Amino acid sequence: MKALLSSKPVLWFLFLFNLVVAVAAPFVVDGSQGVMTAVGMGVVSLGAGLSLLKGRGQAQTQTQTQAQGQGQRQRQRA
């Protein structure tokens, strides 16, 4: 389940869908129920968005590490 929830397509879906619901909830549902729905969906959307940013930083770090490793191997061969 963790692998499914951490995949990029699922995170994008969670981020965008929950963001849309969080924005629309106060207009569709009246009173405190609409506000609490917006807050809850907003928290889920922020969590998914932060996970996307975290994954982006890890991907950049891995790319940099791989490039450094290739450069070191090329220097060792020469």
N, C-alpha and C. Protein backbone atom coordinates (compact mmCIF):
# COMPACT_ATOMS: atom_id res chain seq x y z
N MET A 1 0.83 -1.20 0.00
CA MET A 1 0.00 0.00 0.00
C MET A 1 0.87 1.27 0.00
N LYS A 2 1.99 1.20 0.74
CA LYS A 2 2.87 2.36 0.81
C LYS A 2 3.46 2.70 -0.57
N ALA A 3 3.82 1.66 -1.33
CA ALA A 3 4.37 1.90 -2.67
C ALA A 3 3.32 2.56 -3.57
N LEU A 4 2.07 2.16 -3.43
CA LEU A 4 1.01 2.76 -4.24
C LEU A 4 0.80 4.22 -3.88
N LEU A 5 0.76 4.51 -2.59
CA LEU A 5 0.51 5.89 -2.16
C LEU A 5 1.68 6.82 -2.43
N SER A 6 2.87 6.28 -2.59
CA SER A 6 4.02 7.15 -2.85
C SER A 6 4.34 7.28 -4.34
N SER A 7 3.53 6.67 -5.20
CA SER A 7 3.78 6.81 -6.64
C SER A 7 3.33 8.20 -7.11
N LYS A 8 4.03 8.73 -8.09
CA LYS A 8 3.76 10.10 -8.54
C LYS A 8 2.34 10.31 -9.06
N PRO A 9 1.80 9.40 -9.88
CA PRO A 9 0.42 9.65 -10.36
C PRO A 9 -0.60 9.72 -9.23
N VAL A 10 -0.44 8.88 -8.22
CA VAL A 10 -1.39 8.89 -7.10
C VAL A 10 -1.22 10.17 -6.29
N LEU A 11 0.01 10.60 -6.07
CA LEU A 11 0.24 11.84 -5.34
C LEU A 11 -0.33 13.05 -6.08
N TRP A 12 -0.16 13.08 -7.41
CA TRP A 12 -0.73 14.18 -8.19
C TRP A 12 -2.25 14.17 -8.11
N PHE A 13 -2.86 12.97 -8.19
CA PHE A 13 -4.31 12.88 -8.07
C PHE A 13 -4.77 13.38 -6.70
N LEU A 14 -4.12 12.91 -5.64
CA LEU A 14 -4.50 13.34 -4.29
C LEU A 14 -4.35 14.85 -4.13
N PHE A 15 -3.25 15.38 -4.64
CA PHE A 15 -3.01 16.81 -4.51
C PHE A 15 -4.08 17.62 -5.23
N LEU A 16 -4.31 17.32 -6.49
CA LEU A 16 -5.23 18.13 -7.29
C LEU A 16 -6.69 17.92 -6.88
N PHE A 17 -7.11 16.67 -6.70
CA PHE A 17 -8.50 16.39 -6.35
C PHE A 17 -8.86 17.02 -5.00
N ASN A 18 -8.00 16.81 -4.00
CA ASN A 18 -8.30 17.35 -2.68
C ASN A 18 -8.23 18.87 -2.66
N LEU A 19 -7.36 19.43 -3.47
CA LEU A 19 -7.29 20.89 -3.56
C LEU A 19 -8.59 21.46 -4.13
N VAL A 20 -9.10 20.83 -5.18
CA VAL A 20 -10.35 21.29 -5.79
C VAL A 20 -11.51 21.15 -4.81
N VAL A 21 -11.58 20.03 -4.11
CA VAL A 21 -12.65 19.83 -3.13
C VAL A 21 -12.52 20.83 -1.99
N ALA A 22 -11.29 21.09 -1.54
CA ALA A 22 -11.08 22.04 -0.44
C ALA A 22 -11.55 23.44 -0.83
N VAL A 23 -11.32 23.82 -2.08
CA VAL A 23 -11.75 25.14 -2.53
C VAL A 23 -13.27 25.19 -2.71
N ALA A 24 -13.87 24.12 -3.20
CA ALA A 24 -15.30 24.13 -3.50
C ALA A 24 -16.19 23.83 -2.29
N ALA A 25 -15.68 23.14 -1.29
CA ALA A 25 -16.51 22.68 -0.17
C ALA A 25 -17.27 23.80 0.55
N PRO A 26 -16.65 24.92 0.87
CA PRO A 26 -17.42 25.96 1.59
C PRO A 26 -18.58 26.53 0.77
N PHE A 27 -18.49 26.45 -0.55
CA PHE A 27 -19.57 26.96 -1.40
C PHE A 27 -20.69 25.94 -1.60
N VAL A 28 -20.34 24.66 -1.48
CA VAL A 28 -21.32 23.59 -1.74
C VAL A 28 -22.02 23.18 -0.45
N VAL A 29 -21.27 23.08 0.63
CA VAL A 29 -21.82 22.63 1.92
C VAL A 29 -21.86 23.84 2.86
N ASP A 30 -22.99 24.07 3.48
CA ASP A 30 -23.16 25.24 4.33
C ASP A 30 -22.60 25.02 5.73
N GLY A 31 -22.20 26.10 6.34
CA GLY A 31 -21.84 26.10 7.75
C GLY A 31 -20.49 25.50 8.06
N SER A 32 -20.40 25.05 9.31
CA SER A 32 -19.13 24.54 9.81
C SER A 32 -18.73 23.24 9.13
N GLN A 33 -19.69 22.48 8.64
CA GLN A 33 -19.36 21.23 7.95
C GLN A 33 -18.57 21.51 6.67
N GLY A 34 -18.92 22.54 5.95
CA GLY A 34 -18.18 22.92 4.75
C GLY A 34 -16.79 23.41 5.07
N VAL A 35 -16.67 24.17 6.15
CA VAL A 35 -15.36 24.68 6.55
C VAL A 35 -14.46 23.53 6.99
N MET A 36 -14.99 22.62 7.78
CA MET A 36 -14.19 21.49 8.26
C MET A 36 -13.82 20.55 7.11
N THR A 37 -14.70 20.37 6.15
CA THR A 37 -14.38 19.57 4.97
C THR A 37 -13.24 20.23 4.20
N ALA A 38 -13.30 21.54 4.05
CA ALA A 38 -12.25 22.26 3.35
C ALA A 38 -10.91 22.13 4.08
N VAL A 39 -10.94 22.23 5.39
CA VAL A 39 -9.70 22.10 6.17
C VAL A 39 -9.12 20.70 6.04
N GLY A 40 -9.97 19.69 6.18
CA GLY A 40 -9.49 18.30 6.08
C GLY A 40 -8.92 17.98 4.70
N MET A 41 -9.63 18.38 3.67
CA MET A 41 -9.15 18.13 2.32
C MET A 41 -7.90 18.95 2.02
N GLY A 42 -7.83 20.14 2.57
CA GLY A 42 -6.64 20.97 2.40
C GLY A 42 -5.41 20.35 3.03
N VAL A 43 -5.58 19.74 4.18
CA VAL A 43 -4.45 19.08 4.86
C VAL A 43 -3.95 17.91 4.02
N VAL A 44 -4.87 17.11 3.49
CA VAL A 44 -4.48 15.98 2.64
C VAL A 44 -3.77 16.49 1.38
N SER A 45 -4.29 17.56 0.79
CA SER A 45 -3.68 18.12 -0.40
C SER A 45 -2.27 18.65 -0.11
N LEU A 46 -2.10 19.33 1.01
CA LEU A 46 -0.77 19.81 1.38
C LEU A 46 0.20 18.66 1.62
N GLY A 47 -0.28 17.61 2.26
CA GLY A 47 0.57 16.44 2.49
C GLY A 47 1.04 15.81 1.19
N ALA A 48 0.13 15.67 0.24
CA ALA A 48 0.50 15.11 -1.06
C ALA A 48 1.45 16.04 -1.80
N GLY A 49 1.20 17.34 -1.72
CA GLY A 49 2.08 18.30 -2.38
C GLY A 49 3.48 18.29 -1.79
N LEU A 50 3.57 18.20 -0.47
CA LEU A 50 4.89 18.13 0.17
C LEU A 50 5.61 16.84 -0.20
N SER A 51 4.87 15.76 -0.32
CA SER A 51 5.49 14.49 -0.75
C SER A 51 6.02 14.59 -2.18
N LEU A 52 5.29 15.29 -3.03
CA LEU A 52 5.77 15.50 -4.39
C LEU A 52 7.06 16.31 -4.40
N LEU A 53 7.11 17.36 -3.58
CA LEU A 53 8.32 18.17 -3.51
C LEU A 53 9.48 17.39 -2.92
N LYS A 54 9.19 16.59 -1.90
CA LYS A 54 10.22 15.77 -1.27
C LYS A 54 10.79 14.77 -2.28
N GLY A 55 9.92 14.14 -3.05
CA GLY A 55 10.36 13.20 -4.07
C GLY A 55 11.17 13.87 -5.16
N ARG A 56 10.81 15.10 -5.49
CA ARG A 56 11.54 15.85 -6.51
C ARG A 56 12.97 16.13 -6.03
N GLY A 57 13.12 16.51 -4.77
CA GLY A 57 14.45 16.77 -4.22
C GLY A 57 15.30 15.51 -4.18
N GLN A 58 14.68 14.38 -3.84
CA GLN A 58 15.42 13.11 -3.81
C GLN A 58 15.85 12.70 -5.20
N ALA A 59 15.01 12.93 -6.20
CA ALA A 59 15.35 12.57 -7.57
C ALA A 59 16.52 13.41 -8.06
N GLN A 60 16.53 14.69 -7.72
CA GLN A 60 17.64 15.56 -8.12
C GLN A 60 18.93 15.14 -7.44
N THR A 61 18.85 14.75 -6.17
CA THR A 61 20.03 14.31 -5.44
C THR A 61 20.57 13.03 -6.04
N GLN A 62 19.70 12.09 -6.41
CA GLN A 62 20.14 10.84 -7.02
C GLN A 62 20.80 11.10 -8.37
N THR A 63 20.26 12.02 -9.15
CA THR A 63 20.84 12.35 -10.45
C THR A 63 22.23 12.96 -10.27
N GLN A 64 22.37 13.85 -9.31
CA GLN A 64 23.67 14.46 -9.05
C GLN A 64 24.68 13.42 -8.57
N THR A 65 24.26 12.51 -7.71
CA THR A 65 25.14 11.46 -7.21
C THR A 65 25.58 10.54 -8.33
N GLN A 66 24.66 10.18 -9.22
CA GLN A 66 25.01 9.33 -10.35
C GLN A 66 25.99 10.03 -11.28
N ALA A 67 25.79 11.32 -11.52
CA ALA A 67 26.69 12.07 -12.39
C ALA A 67 28.09 12.16 -11.78
N GLN A 68 28.16 12.36 -10.47
CA GLN A 68 29.46 12.41 -9.81
C GLN A 68 30.16 11.06 -9.87
N GLY A 69 29.41 9.99 -9.69
CA GLY A 69 29.99 8.65 -9.77
C GLY A 69 30.52 8.35 -11.16
N GLN A 70 29.82 8.77 -12.19
CA GLN A 70 30.27 8.55 -13.56
C GLN A 70 31.53 9.36 -13.84
N GLY A 71 31.58 10.59 -13.33
CA GLY A 71 32.77 11.42 -13.52
C GLY A 71 33.99 10.82 -12.85
N GLN A 72 33.80 10.25 -11.65
CA GLN A 72 34.91 9.62 -10.95
C GLN A 72 35.39 8.38 -11.69
N ARG A 73 34.47 7.60 -12.23
CA ARG A 73 34.87 6.40 -12.98
C ARG A 73 35.64 6.77 -14.24
N GLN A 74 35.21 7.84 -14.90
CA GLN A 74 35.91 8.27 -16.12
C GLN A 74 37.33 8.76 -15.80
N ARG A 75 37.49 9.45 -14.65
CA ARG A 75 38.81 9.92 -14.26
C ARG A 75 39.72 8.76 -13.90
N GLN A 76 39.15 7.72 -13.28
CA GLN A 76 39.95 6.55 -12.90
C GLN A 76 40.44 5.80 -14.14
N ARG A 77 39.64 5.77 -15.18
CA ARG A 77 40.02 5.08 -16.41
C ARG A 77 41.16 5.80 -17.13
N ALA A 78 41.19 7.12 -17.02
CA ALA A 78 42.19 7.93 -17.75
C ALA A 78 43.55 7.90 -17.10
